[in-house]
Amino acid sequence: MITKTQNTNLSRKGVFDKIVQFEEVMSNMDNAMFDDVCPLRHIFGDDIYVREITMPAGMVLTSKIHKTNHPFFVIKGDVSVVTEDGVVRIKAPYWGMTKAGTKRVLHIHSETVWITVHATKEKNLDKIENELIAKNYNELPIRVRREIEGDTKCHL
């Protein structure tokens, strides 16, 4: 189930920049943790990589920047999500599509299990990260940056 709780009149790029600023503020907090601090499970199939993350209740975190369009599944939990498209509350079970260029802020209301599925032939986790994740906005493929910068307003 998904519930829209807020919308934004900012461009997709404007919201992306606000999320990056929020992440910078969080980085100055005493109890801030970075990288993959929640339990992860990695599963491989034929040209498929499945990543499962379990996030505890009460946590606020930012996601990585996704280079590709891919499905996600929330199989357990309750989470508010800030994206370039606005703020939504997701309660399991739910599935959706992540757009290339997405970066999120998540507030975990109850323990949440989130799964992403990616097309890749790679099996090495470091190489997968380099293939699927951008370290910053400028690392996104040019077509993705153009799509984001071309959006004038974001709506759910």
N, C-alpha and C. Protein backbone atom coordinates (compact mmCIF):
# COMPACT_ATOMS: atom_id res chain seq x y z
N MET A 1 0.85 -1.18 0.00
CA MET A 1 0.00 0.00 0.00
C MET A 1 0.89 1.23 0.00
N ILE A 2 0.49 2.22 -0.77
CA ILE A 2 1.23 3.48 -0.83
C ILE A 2 0.27 4.62 -0.55
N THR A 3 0.71 5.54 0.29
CA THR A 3 -0.09 6.71 0.63
C THR A 3 0.73 7.95 0.36
N LYS A 4 0.21 8.83 -0.46
CA LYS A 4 0.90 10.09 -0.72
C LYS A 4 0.68 11.00 0.49
N THR A 5 1.77 11.47 1.08
CA THR A 5 1.64 12.33 2.26
C THR A 5 2.04 13.77 1.99
N GLN A 6 2.75 13.99 0.90
CA GLN A 6 3.17 15.34 0.58
C GLN A 6 3.62 15.36 -0.87
N ASN A 7 3.49 16.49 -1.52
CA ASN A 7 3.96 16.67 -2.87
C ASN A 7 4.94 17.84 -2.86
N THR A 8 5.67 18.01 -3.93
CA THR A 8 6.61 19.10 -4.00
C THR A 8 6.43 19.85 -5.30
N ASN A 9 6.70 21.13 -5.29
CA ASN A 9 6.68 21.91 -6.51
C ASN A 9 8.09 22.14 -7.03
N LEU A 10 9.07 21.51 -6.39
CA LEU A 10 10.44 21.60 -6.86
C LEU A 10 10.64 20.71 -8.08
N SER A 11 11.62 21.03 -8.89
CA SER A 11 11.99 20.15 -9.98
C SER A 11 12.60 18.89 -9.40
N ARG A 12 12.68 17.86 -10.21
CA ARG A 12 13.32 16.62 -9.76
C ARG A 12 14.75 16.89 -9.33
N LYS A 13 15.45 17.73 -10.08
CA LYS A 13 16.84 18.08 -9.75
C LYS A 13 16.88 18.88 -8.44
N GLY A 14 15.90 19.77 -8.23
CA GLY A 14 15.86 20.55 -6.99
C GLY A 14 15.69 19.67 -5.77
N VAL A 15 14.81 18.67 -5.86
CA VAL A 15 14.61 17.75 -4.74
C VAL A 15 15.85 16.89 -4.54
N PHE A 16 16.44 16.43 -5.63
CA PHE A 16 17.68 15.65 -5.55
C PHE A 16 18.74 16.45 -4.77
N ASP A 17 18.90 17.72 -5.12
CA ASP A 17 19.88 18.58 -4.44
C ASP A 17 19.55 18.74 -2.96
N LYS A 18 18.26 18.87 -2.62
CA LYS A 18 17.85 18.97 -1.20
C LYS A 18 18.18 17.69 -0.44
N ILE A 19 17.99 16.54 -1.08
CA ILE A 19 18.31 15.27 -0.43
C ILE A 19 19.82 15.19 -0.16
N VAL A 20 20.63 15.63 -1.13
CA VAL A 20 22.09 15.63 -0.93
C VAL A 20 22.46 16.58 0.22
N GLN A 21 21.81 17.75 0.29
CA GLN A 21 22.06 18.68 1.40
C GLN A 21 21.68 18.06 2.74
N PHE A 22 20.54 17.37 2.78
CA PHE A 22 20.10 16.70 4.00
C PHE A 22 21.14 15.67 4.43
N GLU A 23 21.66 14.92 3.46
CA GLU A 23 22.68 13.91 3.75
C GLU A 23 23.93 14.57 4.34
N GLU A 24 24.30 15.73 3.84
CA GLU A 24 25.46 16.45 4.37
C GLU A 24 25.22 16.88 5.81
N VAL A 25 24.01 17.36 6.11
CA VAL A 25 23.67 17.74 7.49
C VAL A 25 23.75 16.52 8.39
N MET A 26 23.17 15.40 7.92
CA MET A 26 23.21 14.17 8.71
C MET A 26 24.64 13.72 8.99
N SER A 27 25.54 13.95 8.04
CA SER A 27 26.93 13.49 8.20
C SER A 27 27.64 14.19 9.35
N ASN A 28 27.13 15.34 9.78
CA ASN A 28 27.73 16.07 10.90
C ASN A 28 27.15 15.68 12.25
N MET A 29 26.19 14.78 12.25
CA MET A 29 25.59 14.34 13.51
C MET A 29 26.49 13.31 14.18
N ASP A 30 26.54 13.34 15.52
CA ASP A 30 27.43 12.46 16.27
C ASP A 30 27.15 10.98 16.04
N ASN A 31 25.89 10.61 15.89
CA ASN A 31 25.56 9.18 15.77
C ASN A 31 25.35 8.74 14.31
N ALA A 32 25.83 9.55 13.35
CA ALA A 32 25.66 9.21 11.94
C ALA A 32 26.53 8.02 11.56
N MET A 33 25.96 7.12 10.75
CA MET A 33 26.68 5.96 10.23
C MET A 33 26.57 5.99 8.71
N PHE A 34 27.60 5.48 8.04
CA PHE A 34 27.62 5.53 6.59
C PHE A 34 27.92 4.17 5.99
N ASP A 35 27.74 4.10 4.71
CA ASP A 35 27.93 2.88 3.93
C ASP A 35 26.81 1.90 4.24
N ASP A 36 27.07 0.63 4.08
CA ASP A 36 26.04 -0.39 4.27
C ASP A 36 26.01 -0.82 5.73
N VAL A 37 25.20 -0.13 6.55
CA VAL A 37 25.17 -0.40 8.00
C VAL A 37 24.05 -1.35 8.39
N CYS A 38 23.13 -1.62 7.49
CA CYS A 38 22.03 -2.55 7.77
C CYS A 38 22.34 -3.91 7.15
N PRO A 39 21.76 -4.97 7.72
CA PRO A 39 22.01 -6.31 7.17
C PRO A 39 21.61 -6.41 5.70
N LEU A 40 22.52 -6.96 4.90
CA LEU A 40 22.30 -7.15 3.47
C LEU A 40 22.38 -8.62 3.13
N ARG A 41 21.59 -8.99 2.13
CA ARG A 41 21.67 -10.33 1.56
C ARG A 41 21.81 -10.17 0.05
N HIS A 42 22.74 -10.90 -0.54
CA HIS A 42 23.00 -10.82 -1.98
C HIS A 42 22.69 -12.17 -2.60
N ILE A 43 21.84 -12.15 -3.64
CA ILE A 43 21.45 -13.37 -4.32
C ILE A 43 21.70 -13.18 -5.81
N PHE A 44 22.23 -14.21 -6.46
CA PHE A 44 22.54 -14.11 -7.89
C PHE A 44 21.76 -15.16 -8.66
N GLY A 45 21.24 -14.76 -9.81
CA GLY A 45 20.60 -15.67 -10.75
C GLY A 45 21.26 -15.48 -12.10
N ASP A 46 20.64 -15.99 -13.14
CA ASP A 46 21.18 -15.83 -14.49
C ASP A 46 21.04 -14.36 -14.90
N ASP A 47 22.15 -13.64 -14.94
CA ASP A 47 22.20 -12.23 -15.32
C ASP A 47 21.32 -11.34 -14.43
N ILE A 48 21.13 -11.76 -13.17
CA ILE A 48 20.29 -11.03 -12.21
C ILE A 48 21.02 -10.95 -10.87
N TYR A 49 20.95 -9.77 -10.27
CA TYR A 49 21.46 -9.56 -8.92
C TYR A 49 20.30 -9.06 -8.07
N VAL A 50 20.05 -9.73 -6.95
CA VAL A 50 18.99 -9.37 -6.03
C VAL A 50 19.65 -8.92 -4.73
N ARG A 51 19.26 -7.73 -4.26
CA ARG A 51 19.84 -7.17 -3.03
C ARG A 51 18.71 -6.97 -2.03
N GLU A 52 18.86 -7.56 -0.86
CA GLU A 52 17.85 -7.44 0.19
C GLU A 52 18.49 -6.71 1.37
N ILE A 53 17.82 -5.67 1.84
CA ILE A 53 18.28 -4.92 3.01
C ILE A 53 17.19 -4.93 4.07
N THR A 54 17.59 -5.15 5.31
CA THR A 54 16.66 -5.10 6.44
C THR A 54 17.02 -3.89 7.29
N MET A 55 16.04 -2.99 7.46
CA MET A 55 16.27 -1.72 8.16
C MET A 55 15.43 -1.66 9.42
N PRO A 56 16.06 -1.34 10.58
CA PRO A 56 15.33 -1.33 11.84
C PRO A 56 14.41 -0.12 12.00
N ALA A 57 13.38 -0.28 12.80
CA ALA A 57 12.45 0.82 13.11
C ALA A 57 13.22 1.98 13.72
N GLY A 58 12.79 3.20 13.38
CA GLY A 58 13.38 4.40 13.95
C GLY A 58 14.54 4.97 13.16
N MET A 59 15.05 4.25 12.20
CA MET A 59 16.21 4.69 11.43
C MET A 59 15.79 5.70 10.37
N VAL A 60 16.64 6.69 10.13
CA VAL A 60 16.50 7.61 9.00
C VAL A 60 17.77 7.45 8.18
N LEU A 61 17.60 7.21 6.88
CA LEU A 61 18.77 6.99 6.04
C LEU A 61 18.53 7.50 4.64
N THR A 62 19.62 7.68 3.91
CA THR A 62 19.53 8.06 2.51
C THR A 62 20.01 6.89 1.67
N SER A 63 19.43 6.77 0.50
CA SER A 63 19.83 5.69 -0.40
C SER A 63 20.99 6.15 -1.27
N LYS A 64 21.49 5.21 -2.01
CA LYS A 64 22.52 5.51 -3.00
C LYS A 64 21.82 6.09 -4.23
N ILE A 65 22.59 6.52 -5.19
CA ILE A 65 22.05 7.10 -6.43
C ILE A 65 22.03 5.99 -7.48
N HIS A 66 20.87 5.66 -7.98
CA HIS A 66 20.70 4.55 -8.90
C HIS A 66 20.92 4.99 -10.35
N LYS A 67 21.74 4.24 -11.08
CA LYS A 67 22.01 4.55 -12.49
C LYS A 67 20.98 3.95 -13.44
N THR A 68 20.23 2.96 -12.98
CA THR A 68 19.34 2.22 -13.89
C THR A 68 17.90 2.20 -13.37
N ASN A 69 16.98 1.94 -14.27
CA ASN A 69 15.59 1.65 -13.91
C ASN A 69 15.54 0.20 -13.47
N HIS A 70 14.90 -0.07 -12.33
CA HIS A 70 14.81 -1.45 -11.84
C HIS A 70 13.67 -1.57 -10.83
N PRO A 71 13.15 -2.79 -10.65
CA PRO A 71 12.06 -2.98 -9.70
C PRO A 71 12.56 -3.04 -8.26
N PHE A 72 11.67 -2.64 -7.34
CA PHE A 72 11.92 -2.83 -5.91
C PHE A 72 10.67 -3.41 -5.28
N PHE A 73 10.89 -4.12 -4.15
CA PHE A 73 9.80 -4.77 -3.44
C PHE A 73 9.97 -4.50 -1.96
N VAL A 74 8.92 -4.02 -1.30
CA VAL A 74 8.91 -3.88 0.15
C VAL A 74 8.08 -5.06 0.65
N ILE A 75 8.76 -6.04 1.23
CA ILE A 75 8.07 -7.27 1.60
C ILE A 75 7.67 -7.30 3.08
N LYS A 76 8.22 -6.36 3.84
CA LYS A 76 7.87 -6.25 5.25
C LYS A 76 8.10 -4.81 5.66
N GLY A 77 7.19 -4.27 6.50
CA GLY A 77 7.46 -2.99 7.11
C GLY A 77 6.56 -1.85 6.70
N ASP A 78 6.98 -0.68 7.18
CA ASP A 78 6.24 0.57 7.03
C ASP A 78 7.30 1.66 6.97
N VAL A 79 7.35 2.42 5.87
CA VAL A 79 8.43 3.38 5.64
C VAL A 79 7.89 4.61 4.92
N SER A 80 8.32 5.80 5.37
CA SER A 80 8.06 7.03 4.63
C SER A 80 9.27 7.29 3.75
N VAL A 81 9.00 7.65 2.49
CA VAL A 81 10.07 7.79 1.51
C VAL A 81 9.98 9.17 0.86
N VAL A 82 11.10 9.89 0.91
CA VAL A 82 11.22 11.16 0.21
C VAL A 82 12.04 10.88 -1.05
N THR A 83 11.46 11.20 -2.20
CA THR A 83 12.17 11.04 -3.46
C THR A 83 12.01 12.33 -4.25
N GLU A 84 12.56 12.31 -5.45
CA GLU A 84 12.39 13.45 -6.34
C GLU A 84 10.92 13.63 -6.74
N ASP A 85 10.08 12.65 -6.44
CA ASP A 85 8.66 12.71 -6.78
C ASP A 85 7.77 13.16 -5.63
N GLY A 86 8.33 13.43 -4.46
CA GLY A 86 7.54 13.84 -3.31
C GLY A 86 7.73 12.88 -2.15
N VAL A 87 6.81 12.94 -1.17
CA VAL A 87 6.88 12.08 0.01
C VAL A 87 5.71 11.10 -0.04
N VAL A 88 6.04 9.81 0.15
CA VAL A 88 5.01 8.78 0.18
C VAL A 88 5.27 7.87 1.37
N ARG A 89 4.22 7.22 1.84
CA ARG A 89 4.35 6.22 2.89
C ARG A 89 4.01 4.87 2.28
N ILE A 90 4.91 3.93 2.43
CA ILE A 90 4.76 2.60 1.85
C ILE A 90 4.61 1.59 2.98
N LYS A 91 3.57 0.76 2.89
CA LYS A 91 3.38 -0.34 3.82
C LYS A 91 3.39 -1.63 3.02
N ALA A 92 4.15 -2.59 3.51
CA ALA A 92 4.26 -3.89 2.83
C ALA A 92 2.92 -4.60 2.84
N PRO A 93 2.67 -5.39 1.82
CA PRO A 93 3.50 -5.64 0.65
C PRO A 93 3.29 -4.55 -0.41
N TYR A 94 4.38 -4.23 -1.10
CA TYR A 94 4.32 -3.20 -2.15
C TYR A 94 5.48 -3.44 -3.11
N TRP A 95 5.27 -3.09 -4.37
CA TRP A 95 6.37 -3.10 -5.32
C TRP A 95 6.24 -1.89 -6.23
N GLY A 96 7.37 -1.46 -6.76
CA GLY A 96 7.39 -0.32 -7.67
C GLY A 96 8.62 -0.36 -8.55
N MET A 97 8.78 0.68 -9.35
CA MET A 97 9.94 0.79 -10.23
C MET A 97 10.76 2.00 -9.79
N THR A 98 12.04 1.77 -9.61
CA THR A 98 12.97 2.85 -9.33
C THR A 98 13.42 3.44 -10.66
N LYS A 99 13.30 4.76 -10.79
CA LYS A 99 13.77 5.44 -12.00
C LYS A 99 15.27 5.70 -11.87
N ALA A 100 15.98 5.58 -12.97
CA ALA A 100 17.40 5.94 -12.99
C ALA A 100 17.53 7.38 -12.50
N GLY A 101 18.53 7.63 -11.66
CA GLY A 101 18.76 8.95 -11.10
C GLY A 101 18.10 9.16 -9.76
N THR A 102 17.41 8.15 -9.24
CA THR A 102 16.70 8.28 -7.97
C THR A 102 17.67 8.25 -6.80
N LYS A 103 17.42 9.13 -5.83
CA LYS A 103 18.07 9.12 -4.53
C LYS A 103 16.94 9.36 -3.54
N ARG A 104 16.92 8.61 -2.44
CA ARG A 104 15.79 8.67 -1.51
C ARG A 104 16.26 8.99 -0.09
N VAL A 105 15.33 9.54 0.70
CA VAL A 105 15.46 9.59 2.16
C VAL A 105 14.37 8.67 2.68
N LEU A 106 14.74 7.78 3.61
CA LEU A 106 13.77 6.84 4.18
C LEU A 106 13.69 7.04 5.69
N HIS A 107 12.46 7.07 6.20
CA HIS A 107 12.22 7.03 7.64
C HIS A 107 11.50 5.73 7.92
N ILE A 108 12.14 4.84 8.67
CA ILE A 108 11.63 3.50 8.91
C ILE A 108 10.71 3.52 10.13
N HIS A 109 9.41 3.28 9.94
CA HIS A 109 8.44 3.26 11.04
C HIS A 109 8.42 1.92 11.76
N SER A 110 8.53 0.83 11.00
CA SER A 110 8.66 -0.52 11.59
C SER A 110 9.68 -1.27 10.74
N GLU A 111 10.31 -2.28 11.34
CA GLU A 111 11.36 -3.00 10.61
C GLU A 111 10.91 -3.26 9.17
N THR A 112 11.77 -2.89 8.23
CA THR A 112 11.42 -2.95 6.82
C THR A 112 12.43 -3.78 6.05
N VAL A 113 11.91 -4.66 5.20
CA VAL A 113 12.74 -5.45 4.29
C VAL A 113 12.45 -4.94 2.88
N TRP A 114 13.49 -4.44 2.22
CA TRP A 114 13.39 -3.82 0.89
C TRP A 114 14.29 -4.60 -0.04
N ILE A 115 13.77 -5.03 -1.17
CA ILE A 115 14.52 -5.83 -2.14
C ILE A 115 14.58 -5.08 -3.46
N THR A 116 15.78 -5.05 -4.07
CA THR A 116 15.92 -4.51 -5.42
C THR A 116 16.44 -5.62 -6.32
N VAL A 117 16.06 -5.54 -7.60
CA VAL A 117 16.47 -6.54 -8.58
C VAL A 117 17.13 -5.81 -9.74
N HIS A 118 18.34 -6.27 -10.10
CA HIS A 118 19.13 -5.58 -11.12
C HIS A 118 19.61 -6.55 -12.18
N ALA A 119 19.55 -6.11 -13.43
CA ALA A 119 20.10 -6.88 -14.54
C ALA A 119 21.60 -6.63 -14.59
N THR A 120 22.39 -7.68 -14.42
CA THR A 120 23.85 -7.60 -14.55
C THR A 120 24.41 -9.00 -14.73
N LYS A 121 25.47 -9.09 -15.48
CA LYS A 121 26.18 -10.36 -15.63
C LYS A 121 27.24 -10.51 -14.53
N GLU A 122 27.52 -9.40 -13.86
CA GLU A 122 28.59 -9.33 -12.86
C GLU A 122 28.22 -10.09 -11.58
N LYS A 123 29.21 -10.67 -10.92
CA LYS A 123 29.01 -11.36 -9.64
C LYS A 123 29.84 -10.72 -8.52
N ASN A 124 30.80 -9.88 -8.88
CA ASN A 124 31.66 -9.21 -7.91
C ASN A 124 30.92 -7.98 -7.37
N LEU A 125 30.71 -7.91 -6.04
CA LEU A 125 29.91 -6.83 -5.45
C LEU A 125 30.49 -5.44 -5.69
N ASP A 126 31.81 -5.30 -5.66
CA ASP A 126 32.42 -4.00 -5.93
C ASP A 126 32.17 -3.56 -7.36
N LYS A 127 32.29 -4.49 -8.30
CA LYS A 127 32.03 -4.17 -9.71
C LYS A 127 30.55 -3.88 -9.95
N ILE A 128 29.68 -4.61 -9.25
CA ILE A 128 28.24 -4.35 -9.36
C ILE A 128 27.94 -2.93 -8.88
N GLU A 129 28.51 -2.55 -7.74
CA GLU A 129 28.30 -1.21 -7.19
C GLU A 129 28.73 -0.15 -8.22
N ASN A 130 29.89 -0.34 -8.84
CA ASN A 130 30.36 0.63 -9.84
C ASN A 130 29.46 0.67 -11.07
N GLU A 131 28.89 -0.47 -11.43
CA GLU A 131 28.01 -0.54 -12.59
C GLU A 131 26.65 0.10 -12.34
N LEU A 132 26.10 -0.07 -11.12
CA LEU A 132 24.71 0.30 -10.86
C LEU A 132 24.53 1.58 -10.05
N ILE A 133 25.56 2.01 -9.33
CA ILE A 133 25.44 3.13 -8.40
C ILE A 133 26.35 4.28 -8.81
N ALA A 134 25.81 5.50 -8.81
CA ALA A 134 26.62 6.70 -9.07
C ALA A 134 27.09 7.26 -7.73
N LYS A 135 28.33 7.71 -7.68
CA LYS A 135 28.85 8.30 -6.45
C LYS A 135 28.32 9.73 -6.25
N ASN A 136 27.95 10.38 -7.36
CA ASN A 136 27.38 11.73 -7.31
C ASN A 136 26.56 11.95 -8.57
N TYR A 137 25.90 13.08 -8.63
CA TYR A 137 24.99 13.39 -9.73
C TYR A 137 25.70 13.34 -11.08
N ASN A 138 26.92 13.88 -11.14
CA ASN A 138 27.65 13.95 -12.41
C ASN A 138 28.08 12.58 -12.93
N GLU A 139 28.05 11.57 -12.09
CA GLU A 139 28.39 10.21 -12.53
C GLU A 139 27.21 9.50 -13.20
N LEU A 140 26.04 10.09 -13.12
CA LEU A 140 24.88 9.49 -13.79
C LEU A 140 25.07 9.58 -15.30
N PRO A 141 24.53 8.61 -16.04
CA PRO A 141 24.59 8.70 -17.50
C PRO A 141 23.96 10.01 -17.98
N ILE A 142 24.50 10.59 -19.01
CA ILE A 142 24.03 11.89 -19.52
C ILE A 142 22.54 11.87 -19.84
N ARG A 143 22.02 10.78 -20.39
CA ARG A 143 20.59 10.72 -20.73
C ARG A 143 19.74 10.83 -19.46
N VAL A 144 20.22 10.27 -18.35
CA VAL A 144 19.48 10.33 -17.08
C VAL A 144 19.52 11.76 -16.55
N ARG A 145 20.69 12.41 -16.60
CA ARG A 145 20.79 13.80 -16.13
C ARG A 145 19.87 14.70 -16.95
N ARG A 146 19.81 14.46 -18.25
CA ARG A 146 18.94 15.28 -19.12
C ARG A 146 17.47 15.08 -18.76
N GLU A 147 17.08 13.83 -18.46
CA GLU A 147 15.69 13.56 -18.05
C GLU A 147 15.37 14.29 -16.76
N ILE A 148 16.27 14.23 -15.79
CA ILE A 148 16.04 14.87 -14.49
C ILE A 148 15.99 16.38 -14.66
N GLU A 149 16.90 16.95 -15.41
CA GLU A 149 16.94 18.41 -15.58
C GLU A 149 15.79 18.90 -16.44
N GLY A 150 15.21 18.01 -17.26
CA GLY A 150 14.08 18.40 -18.11
C GLY A 150 12.76 18.46 -17.38
N ASP A 151 12.68 17.79 -16.23
CA ASP A 151 11.45 17.81 -15.42
C ASP A 151 11.29 19.19 -14.79
N THR A 152 10.11 19.79 -14.93
CA THR A 152 9.90 21.10 -14.32
C THR A 152 9.24 20.97 -12.95
N LYS A 153 8.33 19.99 -12.79
CA LYS A 153 7.70 19.75 -11.48
C LYS A 153 7.55 18.26 -11.31
N CYS A 154 7.57 17.84 -10.08
CA CYS A 154 7.43 16.41 -9.78
C CYS A 154 6.07 16.16 -9.16
N HIS A 155 5.39 15.19 -9.62
CA HIS A 155 4.10 14.80 -9.08
C HIS A 155 4.06 13.28 -8.95
N LEU A 156 3.29 12.77 -8.02
CA LEU A 156 3.12 11.33 -7.88
C LEU A 156 2.05 10.86 -8.84
